[in-house]
Structure formats: structure tokens, C-alpha cells
Amino acid sequence: MNIEQVRDYCISKPFTQESFPFDDVTLVFKVAGKMFALLPLDEIDNPSINLKGSPEDNIQYREKFTGIEPGFHMNKKHWNTVRLESDVDRNLIKKMINRSYDLVVKSLSKKLKDQLRSL
């Protein structure tokens, strides 16, 4: 997947907002104000995305794929950096985006979940 395809997929998730809260080059995707993906737009030669995952899954992915490493500038237990042009195929990248989004939604308060459902 390229950066544009990843962006389009992330923004297609329900109630997703995108912004640049840290700098002018790191696109952040949030649901209910909580991050589920970070996409550096300045990594043209080696594009990547940071995604949340369960600690167990993160370890397994890192052991299996050279294109998945501990999350750059993130909590290494809960985040992975996934190289878009690597041994990680597009279906797995989409699965990891879905999982990251779902983990964030699952962590929301009941009140926030109810608000999202009512939109």
C-alpha cells in the first residue's frame, strides 16, 4: 500500500478525524480524540505507519516480519511501526489498521461509545 491508500483506508473508518497535532508532516488519525494511527508524510523513501496492537500480537508480528518493528516514538509494548514497502502485505496492513481502530474504540467510556453510536 502507498501513503495515499493508507490514508484513504484510515479515514474511511467511522468517526475518524485526521490532524497534524505534533508537526507539519505527521498525519494523525483519531477516533473520539484518541489516536489509532500515525502516518509520517515525509518518509518518501521508506514510508511507514504507526499502529496500536495488543502486546502479544505486536511481538508475534515483529518476529515474523522484517517490516514490523517497535513503534517509533511510541510505547513499544503497544505500538508497532509498519513499513509500507516491505514483506507486510496490504491485507495485513488493513487488518492491523482495523485492530488499532477497534482497540481504541473498545477503550472508550460507555458514554463516548453511546455518543459515537448516536451520530
PDB file of N, CA and C in Angstrom:
ATOM      1  N   MET A   1       0.845  -1.188   0.000  1.00  0.00           N
ATOM      2  CA  MET A   1       0.000   0.000   0.000  1.00  0.00           C
ATOM      3  C   MET A   1       0.883   1.240   0.000  1.00  0.00           C
ATOM      4  N   ASN A   2       0.427   2.265  -0.657  1.00  0.00           N
ATOM      5  CA  ASN A   2       1.162   3.514  -0.601  1.00  0.00           C
ATOM      6  C   ASN A   2       0.506   4.450   0.427  1.00  0.00           C
ATOM      7  N   ILE A   3       1.121   5.586   0.641  1.00  0.00           N
ATOM      8  CA  ILE A   3       0.645   6.518   1.669  1.00  0.00           C
ATOM      9  C   ILE A   3      -0.795   6.959   1.394  1.00  0.00           C
ATOM     10  N   GLU A   4      -1.122   7.249   0.151  1.00  0.00           N
ATOM     11  CA  GLU A   4      -2.475   7.705  -0.183  1.00  0.00           C
ATOM     12  C   GLU A   4      -3.509   6.623   0.093  1.00  0.00           C
ATOM     13  N   GLN A   5      -3.186   5.389  -0.243  1.00  0.00           N
ATOM     14  CA  GLN A   5      -4.112   4.283   0.011  1.00  0.00           C
ATOM     15  C   GLN A   5      -4.314   4.067   1.508  1.00  0.00           C
ATOM     16  N   VAL A   6      -3.241   4.173   2.270  1.00  0.00           N
ATOM     17  CA  VAL A   6      -3.341   4.013   3.722  1.00  0.00           C
ATOM     18  C   VAL A   6      -4.191   5.129   4.310  1.00  0.00           C
ATOM     19  N   ARG A   7      -3.935   6.360   3.874  1.00  0.00           N
ATOM     20  CA  ARG A   7      -4.738   7.493   4.361  1.00  0.00           C
ATOM     21  C   ARG A   7      -6.213   7.290   4.049  1.00  0.00           C
ATOM     22  N   ASP A   8      -6.517   6.917   2.814  1.00  0.00           N
ATOM     23  CA  ASP A   8      -7.911   6.700   2.418  1.00  0.00           C
ATOM     24  C   ASP A   8      -8.567   5.614   3.263  1.00  0.00           C
ATOM     25  N   TYR A   9      -7.826   4.558   3.549  1.00  0.00           N
ATOM     26  CA  TYR A   9      -8.388   3.467   4.351  1.00  0.00           C
ATOM     27  C   TYR A   9      -8.629   3.925   5.793  1.00  0.00           C
ATOM     28  N   CYS A  10      -7.668   4.629   6.367  1.00  0.00           N
ATOM     29  CA  CYS A  10      -7.826   5.100   7.748  1.00  0.00           C
ATOM     30  C   CYS A  10      -9.005   6.057   7.875  1.00  0.00           C
ATOM     31  N   ILE A  11      -9.116   6.990   6.955  1.00  0.00           N
ATOM     32  CA  ILE A  11     -10.172   7.997   7.048  1.00  0.00           C
ATOM     33  C   ILE A  11     -11.551   7.386   6.778  1.00  0.00           C
ATOM     34  N   SER A  12     -11.590   6.199   6.180  1.00  0.00           N
ATOM     35  CA  SER A  12     -12.877   5.538   5.921  1.00  0.00           C
ATOM     36  C   SER A  12     -13.475   4.906   7.177  1.00  0.00           C
ATOM     37  N   LYS A  13     -12.680   4.785   8.226  1.00  0.00           N
ATOM     38  CA  LYS A  13     -13.179   4.197   9.476  1.00  0.00           C
ATOM     39  C   LYS A  13     -14.194   5.165  10.101  1.00  0.00           C
ATOM     40  N   PRO A  14     -15.288   4.663  10.653  1.00  0.00           N
ATOM     41  CA  PRO A  14     -16.330   5.547  11.194  1.00  0.00           C
ATOM     42  C   PRO A  14     -15.806   6.526  12.247  1.00  0.00           C
ATOM     43  N   PHE A  15     -16.260   7.769  12.139  1.00  0.00           N
ATOM     44  CA  PHE A  15     -15.980   8.829  13.112  1.00  0.00           C
ATOM     45  C   PHE A  15     -14.499   9.202  13.210  1.00  0.00           C
ATOM     46  N   THR A  16     -13.740   8.877  12.180  1.00  0.00           N
ATOM     47  CA  THR A  16     -12.308   9.186  12.192  1.00  0.00           C
ATOM     48  C   THR A  16     -12.080  10.642  11.826  1.00  0.00           C
ATOM     49  N   GLN A  17     -11.153  11.251  12.558  1.00  0.00           N
ATOM     50  CA  GLN A  17     -10.706  12.604  12.260  1.00  0.00           C
ATOM     51  C   GLN A  17      -9.209  12.551  12.023  1.00  0.00           C
ATOM     52  N   GLU A  18      -8.723  13.412  11.139  1.00  0.00           N
ATOM     53  CA  GLU A  18      -7.296  13.482  10.880  1.00  0.00           C
ATOM     54  C   GLU A  18      -6.806  14.892  11.202  1.00  0.00           C
ATOM     55  N   SER A  19      -5.572  14.954  11.693  1.00  0.00           N
ATOM     56  CA  SER A  19      -4.998  16.256  12.042  1.00  0.00           C
ATOM     57  C   SER A  19      -3.473  16.139  12.092  1.00  0.00           C
ATOM     58  N   PHE A  20      -2.834  17.287  12.314  1.00  0.00           N
ATOM     59  CA  PHE A  20      -1.382  17.368  12.453  1.00  0.00           C
ATOM     60  C   PHE A  20      -1.066  17.972  13.826  1.00  0.00           C
ATOM     61  N   PRO A  21      -1.304  17.239  14.917  1.00  0.00           N
ATOM     62  CA  PRO A  21      -1.113  17.825  16.250  1.00  0.00           C
ATOM     63  C   PRO A  21       0.349  17.991  16.674  1.00  0.00           C
ATOM     64  N   PHE A  22       1.264  17.263  16.061  1.00  0.00           N
ATOM     65  CA  PHE A  22       2.657  17.277  16.505  1.00  0.00           C
ATOM     66  C   PHE A  22       3.562  18.157  15.648  1.00  0.00           C
ATOM     67  N   ASP A  23       3.358  18.078  14.339  1.00  0.00           N
ATOM     68  CA  ASP A  23       4.194  18.831  13.398  1.00  0.00           C
ATOM     69  C   ASP A  23       3.460  18.900  12.061  1.00  0.00           C
ATOM     70  N   ASP A  24       4.134  19.387  11.046  1.00  0.00           N
ATOM     71  CA  ASP A  24       3.501  19.548   9.735  1.00  0.00           C
ATOM     72  C   ASP A  24       3.595  18.314   8.848  1.00  0.00           C
ATOM     73  N   VAL A  25       4.234  17.260   9.315  1.00  0.00           N
ATOM     74  CA  VAL A  25       4.444  16.099   8.449  1.00  0.00           C
ATOM     75  C   VAL A  25       3.878  14.792   8.995  1.00  0.00           C
ATOM     76  N   THR A  26       3.416  14.777  10.236  1.00  0.00           N
ATOM     77  CA  THR A  26       2.893  13.536  10.815  1.00  0.00           C
ATOM     78  C   THR A  26       1.373  13.623  10.897  1.00  0.00           C
ATOM     79  N   LEU A  27       0.719  12.915   9.988  1.00  0.00           N
ATOM     80  CA  LEU A  27      -0.734  12.884   9.944  1.00  0.00           C
ATOM     81  C   LEU A  27      -1.226  11.889  10.992  1.00  0.00           C
ATOM     82  N   VAL A  28      -2.102  12.346  11.878  1.00  0.00           N
ATOM     83  CA  VAL A  28      -2.600  11.522  12.974  1.00  0.00           C
ATOM     84  C   VAL A  28      -4.088  11.256  12.772  1.00  0.00           C
ATOM     85  N   PHE A  29      -4.469  10.003  12.925  1.00  0.00           N
ATOM     86  CA  PHE A  29      -5.867   9.599  12.813  1.00  0.00           C
ATOM     87  C   PHE A  29      -6.384   9.273  14.200  1.00  0.00           C
ATOM     88  N   LYS A  30      -7.551   9.865  14.525  1.00  0.00           N
ATOM     89  CA  LYS A  30      -8.132   9.696  15.850  1.00  0.00           C
ATOM     90  C   LYS A  30      -9.605   9.323  15.734  1.00  0.00           C
ATOM     91  N   VAL A  31     -10.066   8.612  16.756  1.00  0.00           N
ATOM     92  CA  VAL A  31     -11.486   8.380  16.943  1.00  0.00           C
ATOM     93  C   VAL A  31     -11.801   8.839  18.357  1.00  0.00           C
ATOM     94  N   ALA A  32     -12.790   9.707  18.497  1.00  0.00           N
ATOM     95  CA  ALA A  32     -13.167  10.297  19.787  1.00  0.00           C
ATOM     96  C   ALA A  32     -11.958  10.920  20.485  1.00  0.00           C
ATOM     97  N   GLY A  33     -11.084  11.547  19.717  1.00  0.00           N
ATOM     98  CA  GLY A  33      -9.931  12.240  20.272  1.00  0.00           C
ATOM     99  C   GLY A  33      -8.764  11.351  20.659  1.00  0.00           C
ATOM    100  N   LYS A  34      -8.845  10.045  20.388  1.00  0.00           N
ATOM    101  CA  LYS A  34      -7.764   9.119  20.736  1.00  0.00           C
ATOM    102  C   LYS A  34      -7.109   8.583  19.462  1.00  0.00           C
ATOM    103  N   MET A  35      -5.779   8.582  19.459  1.00  0.00           N
ATOM    104  CA  MET A  35      -5.014   8.162  18.290  1.00  0.00           C
ATOM    105  C   MET A  35      -5.112   6.660  18.041  1.00  0.00           C
ATOM    106  N   PHE A  36      -5.275   6.318  16.765  1.00  0.00           N
ATOM    107  CA  PHE A  36      -5.148   4.902  16.394  1.00  0.00           C
ATOM    108  C   PHE A  36      -4.122   4.696  15.285  1.00  0.00           C
ATOM    109  N   ALA A  37      -3.669   5.774  14.648  1.00  0.00           N
ATOM    110  CA  ALA A  37      -2.654   5.636  13.601  1.00  0.00           C
ATOM    111  C   ALA A  37      -1.909   6.952  13.404  1.00  0.00           C
ATOM    112  N   LEU A  38      -0.609   6.828  13.116  1.00  0.00           N
ATOM    113  CA  LEU A  38       0.230   7.986  12.787  1.00  0.00           C
ATOM    114  C   LEU A  38       0.930   7.673  11.474  1.00  0.00           C
ATOM    115  N   LEU A  39       0.819   8.603  10.541  1.00  0.00           N
ATOM    116  CA  LEU A  39       1.359   8.404   9.204  1.00  0.00           C
ATOM    117  C   LEU A  39       2.316   9.540   8.856  1.00  0.00           C
ATOM    118  N   PRO A  40       3.637   9.290   8.962  1.00  0.00           N
ATOM    119  CA  PRO A  40       4.613  10.324   8.594  1.00  0.00           C
ATOM    120  C   PRO A  40       4.612  10.528   7.074  1.00  0.00           C
ATOM    121  N   LEU A  41       4.352  11.752   6.646  1.00  0.00           N
ATOM    122  CA  LEU A  41       4.262  12.033   5.223  1.00  0.00           C
ATOM    123  C   LEU A  41       5.603  12.371   4.583  1.00  0.00           C
ATOM    124  N   ASP A  42       6.628  12.513   5.405  1.00  0.00           N
ATOM    125  CA  ASP A  42       7.949  12.877   4.879  1.00  0.00           C
ATOM    126  C   ASP A  42       8.853  11.677   4.630  1.00  0.00           C
ATOM    127  N   GLU A  43       8.367  10.484   4.851  1.00  0.00           N
ATOM    128  CA  GLU A  43       9.160   9.264   4.640  1.00  0.00           C
ATOM    129  C   GLU A  43       8.907   8.727   3.237  1.00  0.00           C
ATOM    130  N   ILE A  44       9.379   9.435   2.253  1.00  0.00           N
ATOM    131  CA  ILE A  44       9.102   9.073   0.864  1.00  0.00           C
ATOM    132  C   ILE A  44       9.854   7.810   0.441  1.00  0.00           C
ATOM    133  N   ASP A  45      11.096   7.658   0.892  1.00  0.00           N
ATOM    134  CA  ASP A  45      11.899   6.502   0.504  1.00  0.00           C
ATOM    135  C   ASP A  45      11.530   5.222   1.255  1.00  0.00           C
ATOM    136  N   ASN A  46      10.995   5.358   2.452  1.00  0.00           N
ATOM    137  CA  ASN A  46      10.684   4.191   3.275  1.00  0.00           C
ATOM    138  C   ASN A  46       9.436   4.481   4.106  1.00  0.00           C
ATOM    139  N   PRO A  47       8.254   4.619   3.459  1.00  0.00           N
ATOM    140  CA  PRO A  47       7.047   5.025   4.174  1.00  0.00           C
ATOM    141  C   PRO A  47       6.614   4.002   5.229  1.00  0.00           C
ATOM    142  N   SER A  48       6.005   4.537   6.289  1.00  0.00           N
ATOM    143  CA  SER A  48       5.572   3.676   7.385  1.00  0.00           C
ATOM    144  C   SER A  48       4.310   4.236   8.013  1.00  0.00           C
ATOM    145  N   ILE A  49       3.719   3.439   8.879  1.00  0.00           N
ATOM    146  CA  ILE A  49       2.585   3.856   9.696  1.00  0.00           C
ATOM    147  C   ILE A  49       2.764   3.256  11.078  1.00  0.00           C
ATOM    148  N   ASN A  50       2.423   4.026  12.111  1.00  0.00           N
ATOM    149  CA  ASN A  50       2.432   3.516  13.482  1.00  0.00           C
ATOM    150  C   ASN A  50       1.017   3.103  13.847  1.00  0.00           C
ATOM    151  N   LEU A  51       0.897   1.871  14.370  1.00  0.00           N
ATOM    152  CA  LEU A  51      -0.406   1.323  14.708  1.00  0.00           C
ATOM    153  C   LEU A  51      -0.386   0.671  16.082  1.00  0.00           C
ATOM    154  N   LYS A  52      -1.492   0.817  16.768  1.00  0.00           N
ATOM    155  CA  LYS A  52      -1.656   0.195  18.080  1.00  0.00           C
ATOM    156  C   LYS A  52      -1.981  -1.289  17.892  1.00  0.00           C
ATOM    157  N   GLY A  53      -1.537  -2.103  18.828  1.00  0.00           N
ATOM    158  CA  GLY A  53      -1.836  -3.531  18.792  1.00  0.00           C
ATOM    159  C   GLY A  53      -1.739  -4.116  20.187  1.00  0.00           C
ATOM    160  N   SER A  54      -2.212  -5.329  20.332  1.00  0.00           N
ATOM    161  CA  SER A  54      -2.067  -5.986  21.631  1.00  0.00           C
ATOM    162  C   SER A  54      -0.601  -6.357  21.814  1.00  0.00           C
ATOM    163  N   PRO A  55      -0.104  -6.350  23.032  1.00  0.00           N
ATOM    164  CA  PRO A  55       1.300  -6.704  23.254  1.00  0.00           C
ATOM    165  C   PRO A  55       1.674  -8.072  22.664  1.00  0.00           C
ATOM    166  N   GLU A  56       0.770  -9.032  22.762  1.00  0.00           N
ATOM    167  CA  GLU A  56       1.055 -10.378  22.249  1.00  0.00           C
ATOM    168  C   GLU A  56       1.170 -10.371  20.727  1.00  0.00           C
ATOM    169  N   ASP A  57       0.201  -9.736  20.071  1.00  0.00           N
ATOM    170  CA  ASP A  57       0.237  -9.658  18.608  1.00  0.00           C
ATOM    171  C   ASP A  57       1.467  -8.896  18.135  1.00  0.00           C
ATOM    172  N   ASN A  58       1.795  -7.803  18.825  1.00  0.00           N
ATOM    173  CA  ASN A  58       2.941  -6.996  18.420  1.00  0.00           C
ATOM    174  C   ASN A  58       4.216  -7.813  18.403  1.00  0.00           C
ATOM    175  N   ILE A  59       4.436  -8.605  19.422  1.00  0.00           N
ATOM    176  CA  ILE A  59       5.636  -9.448  19.486  1.00  0.00           C
ATOM    177  C   ILE A  59       5.644 -10.453  18.335  1.00  0.00           C
ATOM    178  N   GLN A  60       4.507 -11.101  18.101  1.00  0.00           N
ATOM    179  CA  GLN A  60       4.438 -12.099  17.030  1.00  0.00           C
ATOM    180  C   GLN A  60       4.706 -11.470  15.658  1.00  0.00           C
ATOM    181  N   TYR A  61       4.119 -10.305  15.405  1.00  0.00           N
ATOM    182  CA  TYR A  61       4.348  -9.634  14.127  1.00  0.00           C
ATOM    183  C   TYR A  61       5.817  -9.263  13.947  1.00  0.00           C
ATOM    184  N   ARG A  62       6.425  -8.755  15.000  1.00  0.00           N
ATOM    185  CA  ARG A  62       7.838  -8.344  14.910  1.00  0.00           C
ATOM    186  C   ARG A  62       8.749  -9.526  14.633  1.00  0.00           C
ATOM    187  N   GLU A  63       8.400 -10.682  15.194  1.00  0.00           N
ATOM    188  CA  GLU A  63       9.207 -11.879  14.976  1.00  0.00           C
ATOM    189  C   GLU A  63       9.034 -12.436  13.563  1.00  0.00           C
ATOM    190  N   LYS A  64       7.860 -12.232  12.984  1.00  0.00           N
ATOM    191  CA  LYS A  64       7.545 -12.828  11.693  1.00  0.00           C
ATOM    192  C   LYS A  64       7.916 -11.943  10.491  1.00  0.00           C
ATOM    193  N   PHE A  65       7.826 -10.602  10.656  1.00  0.00           N
ATOM    194  CA  PHE A  65       8.019  -9.689   9.528  1.00  0.00           C
ATOM    195  C   PHE A  65       9.154  -8.713   9.796  1.00  0.00           C
ATOM    196  N   THR A  66      10.045  -8.588   8.836  1.00  0.00           N
ATOM    197  CA  THR A  66      11.128  -7.608   8.980  1.00  0.00           C
ATOM    198  C   THR A  66      10.600  -6.186   8.857  1.00  0.00           C
ATOM    199  N   GLY A  67       9.432  -6.010   8.217  1.00  0.00           N
ATOM    200  CA  GLY A  67       8.838  -4.696   8.029  1.00  0.00           C
ATOM    201  C   GLY A  67       8.014  -4.201   9.205  1.00  0.00           C
ATOM    202  N   ILE A  68       8.033  -4.942  10.314  1.00  0.00           N
ATOM    203  CA  ILE A  68       7.309  -4.517  11.523  1.00  0.00           C
ATOM    204  C   ILE A  68       8.300  -4.446  12.668  1.00  0.00           C
ATOM    205  N   GLU A  69       8.357  -3.287  13.290  1.00  0.00           N
ATOM    206  CA  GLU A  69       9.305  -3.059  14.386  1.00  0.00           C
ATOM    207  C   GLU A  69       8.598  -2.285  15.502  1.00  0.00           C
ATOM    208  N   PRO A  70       9.202  -2.206  16.677  1.00  0.00           N
ATOM    209  CA  PRO A  70       8.579  -1.455  17.773  1.00  0.00           C
ATOM    210  C   PRO A  70       8.260  -0.021  17.338  1.00  0.00           C
ATOM    211  N   GLY A  71       7.152   0.492  17.816  1.00  0.00           N
ATOM    212  CA  GLY A  71       6.671   1.809  17.410  1.00  0.00           C
ATOM    213  C   GLY A  71       7.672   2.924  17.657  1.00  0.00           C
ATOM    214  N   PHE A  72       8.030   3.637  16.597  1.00  0.00           N
ATOM    215  CA  PHE A  72       8.975   4.749  16.675  1.00  0.00           C
ATOM    216  C   PHE A  72       8.319   5.891  17.443  1.00  0.00           C
ATOM    217  N   HIS A  73       8.990   6.364  18.482  1.00  0.00           N
ATOM    218  CA  HIS A  73       8.499   7.443  19.350  1.00  0.00           C
ATOM    219  C   HIS A  73       7.198   7.086  20.060  1.00  0.00           C
ATOM    220  N   MET A  74       6.912   5.804  20.224  1.00  0.00           N
ATOM    221  CA  MET A  74       5.665   5.368  20.859  1.00  0.00           C
ATOM    222  C   MET A  74       5.992   4.348  21.945  1.00  0.00           C
ATOM    223  N   ASN A  75       4.992   3.996  22.733  1.00  0.00           N
ATOM    224  CA  ASN A  75       5.133   2.932  23.716  1.00  0.00           C
ATOM    225  C   ASN A  75       5.377   1.631  22.953  1.00  0.00           C
ATOM    226  N   LYS A  76       6.559   1.078  23.111  1.00  0.00           N
ATOM    227  CA  LYS A  76       6.985  -0.085  22.320  1.00  0.00           C
ATOM    228  C   LYS A  76       6.147  -1.334  22.604  1.00  0.00           C
ATOM    229  N   LYS A  77       5.515  -1.376  23.749  1.00  0.00           N
ATOM    230  CA  LYS A  77       4.684  -2.532  24.103  1.00  0.00           C
ATOM    231  C   LYS A  77       3.371  -2.524  23.310  1.00  0.00           C
ATOM    232  N   HIS A  78       2.834  -1.337  23.074  1.00  0.00           N
ATOM    233  CA  HIS A  78       1.501  -1.229  22.495  1.00  0.00           C
ATOM    234  C   HIS A  78       1.458  -0.745  21.048  1.00  0.00           C
ATOM    235  N   TRP A  79       2.598  -0.300  20.505  1.00  0.00           N
ATOM    236  CA  TRP A  79       2.606   0.265  19.162  1.00  0.00           C
ATOM    237  C   TRP A  79       3.685  -0.374  18.300  1.00  0.00           C
ATOM    238  N   ASN A  80       3.357  -0.534  17.018  1.00  0.00           N
ATOM    239  CA  ASN A  80       4.308  -1.005  16.019  1.00  0.00           C
ATOM    240  C   ASN A  80       4.462   0.033  14.918  1.00  0.00           C
ATOM    241  N   THR A  81       5.643   0.085  14.341  1.00  0.00           N
ATOM    242  CA  THR A  81       5.860   0.815  13.097  1.00  0.00           C
ATOM    243  C   THR A  81       5.860  -0.230  11.988  1.00  0.00           C
ATOM    244  N   VAL A  82       4.996  -0.019  11.016  1.00  0.00           N
ATOM    245  CA  VAL A  82       4.851  -0.952   9.898  1.00  0.00           C
ATOM    246  C   VAL A  82       5.364  -0.262   8.630  1.00  0.00           C
ATOM    247  N   ARG A  83       6.379  -0.836   8.013  1.00  0.00           N
ATOM    248  CA  ARG A  83       6.931  -0.318   6.758  1.00  0.00           C
ATOM    249  C   ARG A  83       5.987  -0.718   5.624  1.00  0.00           C
ATOM    250  N   LEU A  84       5.540   0.263   4.859  1.00  0.00           N
ATOM    251  CA  LEU A  84       4.549   0.009   3.817  1.00  0.00           C
ATOM    252  C   LEU A  84       5.129  -0.735   2.621  1.00  0.00           C
ATOM    253  N   GLU A  85       6.403  -0.541   2.358  1.00  0.00           N
ATOM    254  CA  GLU A  85       7.060  -1.222   1.239  1.00  0.00           C
ATOM    255  C   GLU A  85       8.016  -2.260   1.802  1.00  0.00           C
ATOM    256  N   SER A  86       7.433  -3.346   2.287  1.00  0.00           N
ATOM    257  CA  SER A  86       8.222  -4.392   2.956  1.00  0.00           C
ATOM    258  C   SER A  86       7.555  -5.740   2.720  1.00  0.00           C
ATOM    259  N   ASP A  87       7.869  -6.686   3.589  1.00  0.00           N
ATOM    260  CA  ASP A  87       7.292  -8.017   3.494  1.00  0.00           C
ATOM    261  C   ASP A  87       5.891  -8.104   4.107  1.00  0.00           C
ATOM    262  N   VAL A  88       5.318  -6.970   4.474  1.00  0.00           N
ATOM    263  CA  VAL A  88       3.970  -6.929   5.049  1.00  0.00           C
ATOM    264  C   VAL A  88       2.992  -6.612   3.915  1.00  0.00           C
ATOM    265  N   ASP A  89       2.075  -7.537   3.632  1.00  0.00           N
ATOM    266  CA  ASP A  89       1.167  -7.301   2.505  1.00  0.00           C
ATOM    267  C   ASP A  89       0.003  -6.397   2.906  1.00  0.00           C
ATOM    268  N   ARG A  90      -0.664  -5.870   1.895  1.00  0.00           N
ATOM    269  CA  ARG A  90      -1.729  -4.881   2.095  1.00  0.00           C
ATOM    270  C   ARG A  90      -2.870  -5.413   2.961  1.00  0.00           C
ATOM    271  N   ASN A  91      -3.193  -6.700   2.846  1.00  0.00           N
ATOM    272  CA  ASN A  91      -4.283  -7.250   3.662  1.00  0.00           C
ATOM    273  C   ASN A  91      -3.927  -7.242   5.145  1.00  0.00           C
ATOM    274  N   LEU A  92      -2.672  -7.538   5.461  1.00  0.00           N
ATOM    275  CA  LEU A  92      -2.255  -7.492   6.853  1.00  0.00           C
ATOM    276  C   LEU A  92      -2.215  -6.049   7.352  1.00  0.00           C
ATOM    277  N   ILE A  93      -1.785  -5.120   6.524  1.00  0.00           N
ATOM    278  CA  ILE A  93      -1.784  -3.711   6.929  1.00  0.00           C
ATOM    279  C   ILE A  93      -3.209  -3.270   7.245  1.00  0.00           C
ATOM    280  N   LYS A  94      -4.161  -3.627   6.407  1.00  0.00           N
ATOM    281  CA  LYS A  94      -5.560  -3.277   6.664  1.00  0.00           C
ATOM    282  C   LYS A  94      -6.055  -3.934   7.953  1.00  0.00           C
ATOM    283  N   LYS A  95      -5.691  -5.186   8.146  1.00  0.00           N
ATOM    284  CA  LYS A  95      -6.086  -5.892   9.367  1.00  0.00           C
ATOM    285  C   LYS A  95      -5.511  -5.183  10.602  1.00  0.00           C
ATOM    286  N   MET A  96      -4.273  -4.743  10.508  1.00  0.00           N
ATOM    287  CA  MET A  96      -3.640  -4.056  11.636  1.00  0.00           C
ATOM    288  C   MET A  96      -4.278  -2.678  11.881  1.00  0.00           C
ATOM    289  N   ILE A  97      -4.668  -1.982  10.823  1.00  0.00           N
ATOM    290  CA  ILE A  97      -5.380  -0.712  10.981  1.00  0.00           C
ATOM    291  C   ILE A  97      -6.718  -0.961  11.674  1.00  0.00           C
ATOM    292  N   ASN A  98      -7.431  -1.993  11.226  1.00  0.00           N
ATOM    293  CA  ASN A  98      -8.716  -2.338  11.849  1.00  0.00           C
ATOM    294  C   ASN A  98      -8.546  -2.648  13.325  1.00  0.00           C
ATOM    295  N   ARG A  99      -7.535  -3.432  13.634  1.00  0.00           N
ATOM    296  CA  ARG A  99      -7.280  -3.821  15.028  1.00  0.00           C
ATOM    297  C   ARG A  99      -6.939  -2.595  15.881  1.00  0.00           C
ATOM    298  N   SER A 100      -6.117  -1.703  15.356  1.00  0.00           N
ATOM    299  CA  SER A 100      -5.748  -0.500  16.084  1.00  0.00           C
ATOM    300  C   SER A 100      -6.983   0.351  16.369  1.00  0.00           C
ATOM    301  N   TYR A 101      -7.797   0.546  15.347  1.00  0.00           N
ATOM    302  CA  TYR A 101      -9.042   1.309  15.500  1.00  0.00           C
ATOM    303  C   TYR A 101      -9.946   0.649  16.546  1.00  0.00           C
ATOM    304  N   ASP A 102     -10.133  -0.660  16.423  1.00  0.00           N
ATOM    305  CA  ASP A 102     -11.011  -1.389  17.354  1.00  0.00           C
ATOM    306  C   ASP A 102     -10.515  -1.317  18.794  1.00  0.00           C
ATOM    307  N   LEU A 103      -9.198  -1.403  18.994  1.00  0.00           N
ATOM    308  CA  LEU A 103      -8.651  -1.308  20.345  1.00  0.00           C
ATOM    309  C   LEU A 103      -8.946   0.053  20.963  1.00  0.00           C
ATOM    310  N   VAL A 104      -8.853   1.104  20.174  1.00  0.00           N
ATOM    311  CA  VAL A 104      -9.133   2.444  20.690  1.00  0.00           C
ATOM    312  C   VAL A 104     -10.623   2.581  21.003  1.00  0.00           C
ATOM    313  N   VAL A 105     -11.486   2.148  20.095  1.00  0.00           N
ATOM    314  CA  VAL A 105     -12.923   2.236  20.341  1.00  0.00           C
ATOM    315  C   VAL A 105     -13.305   1.425  21.579  1.00  0.00           C
ATOM    316  N   LYS A 106     -12.717   0.250  21.712  1.00  0.00           N
ATOM    317  CA  LYS A 106     -13.009  -0.607  22.866  1.00  0.00           C
ATOM    318  C   LYS A 106     -12.620   0.063  24.184  1.00  0.00           C
ATOM    319  N   SER A 107     -11.590   0.893  24.152  1.00  0.00           N
ATOM    320  CA  SER A 107     -11.111   1.535  25.379  1.00  0.00           C
ATOM    321  C   SER A 107     -11.926   2.772  25.770  1.00  0.00           C
ATOM    322  N   LEU A 108     -12.822   3.209  24.901  1.00  0.00           N
ATOM    323  CA  LEU A 108     -13.614   4.406  25.195  1.00  0.00           C
ATOM    324  C   LEU A 108     -14.621   4.135  26.301  1.00  0.00           C
ATOM    325  N   SER A 109     -15.007   5.176  26.986  1.00  0.00           N
ATOM    326  CA  SER A 109     -16.023   5.044  28.027  1.00  0.00           C
ATOM    327  C   SER A 109     -17.362   4.679  27.390  1.00  0.00           C
ATOM    328  N   LYS A 110     -18.243   4.131  28.181  1.00  0.00           N
ATOM    329  CA  LYS A 110     -19.575   3.772  27.684  1.00  0.00           C
ATOM    330  C   LYS A 110     -20.273   5.011  27.138  1.00  0.00           C
ATOM    331  N   LYS A 111     -20.107   6.126  27.807  1.00  0.00           N
ATOM    332  CA  LYS A 111     -20.737   7.370  27.371  1.00  0.00           C
ATOM    333  C   LYS A 111     -20.247   7.767  25.973  1.00  0.00           C
ATOM    334  N   LEU A 112     -18.931   7.707  25.757  1.00  0.00           N
ATOM    335  CA  LEU A 112     -18.386   8.051  24.440  1.00  0.00           C
ATOM    336  C   LEU A 112     -18.836   7.062  23.367  1.00  0.00           C
ATOM    337  N   LYS A 113     -18.857   5.779  23.707  1.00  0.00           N
ATOM    338  CA  LYS A 113     -19.319   4.777  22.743  1.00  0.00           C
ATOM    339  C   LYS A 113     -20.766   5.053  22.355  1.00  0.00           C
ATOM    340  N   ASP A 114     -21.603   5.382  23.343  1.00  0.00           N
ATOM    341  CA  ASP A 114     -23.007   5.694  23.062  1.00  0.00           C
ATOM    342  C   ASP A 114     -23.128   6.932  22.188  1.00  0.00           C
ATOM    343  N   GLN A 115     -22.289   7.934  22.441  1.00  0.00           N
ATOM    344  CA  GLN A 115     -22.311   9.155  21.628  1.00  0.00           C
ATOM    345  C   GLN A 115     -21.923   8.837  20.176  1.00  0.00           C
ATOM    346  N   LEU A 116     -20.921   7.998  19.998  1.00  0.00           N
ATOM    347  CA  LEU A 116     -20.498   7.633  18.645  1.00  0.00           C
ATOM    348  C   LEU A 116     -21.619   6.888  17.918  1.00  0.00           C
ATOM    349  N   ARG A 117     -22.290   5.995  18.627  1.00  0.00           N
ATOM    350  CA  ARG A 117     -23.362   5.218  18.002  1.00  0.00           C
ATOM    351  C   ARG A 117     -24.521   6.111  17.580  1.00  0.00           C
ATOM    352  N   SER A 118     -24.736   7.190  18.324  1.00  0.00           N
ATOM    353  CA  SER A 118     -25.884   8.069  18.033  1.00  0.00           C
ATOM    354  C   SER A 118     -25.617   9.025  16.872  1.00  0.00           C
ATOM    355  N   LEU A 119     -24.379   9.130  16.435  1.00  0.00           N
ATOM    356  CA  LEU A 119     -24.066  10.041  15.325  1.00  0.00           C
ATOM    357  C   LEU A 119     -24.478   9.487  13.980  1.00  0.00           C
TER     358      LEU A 119
END
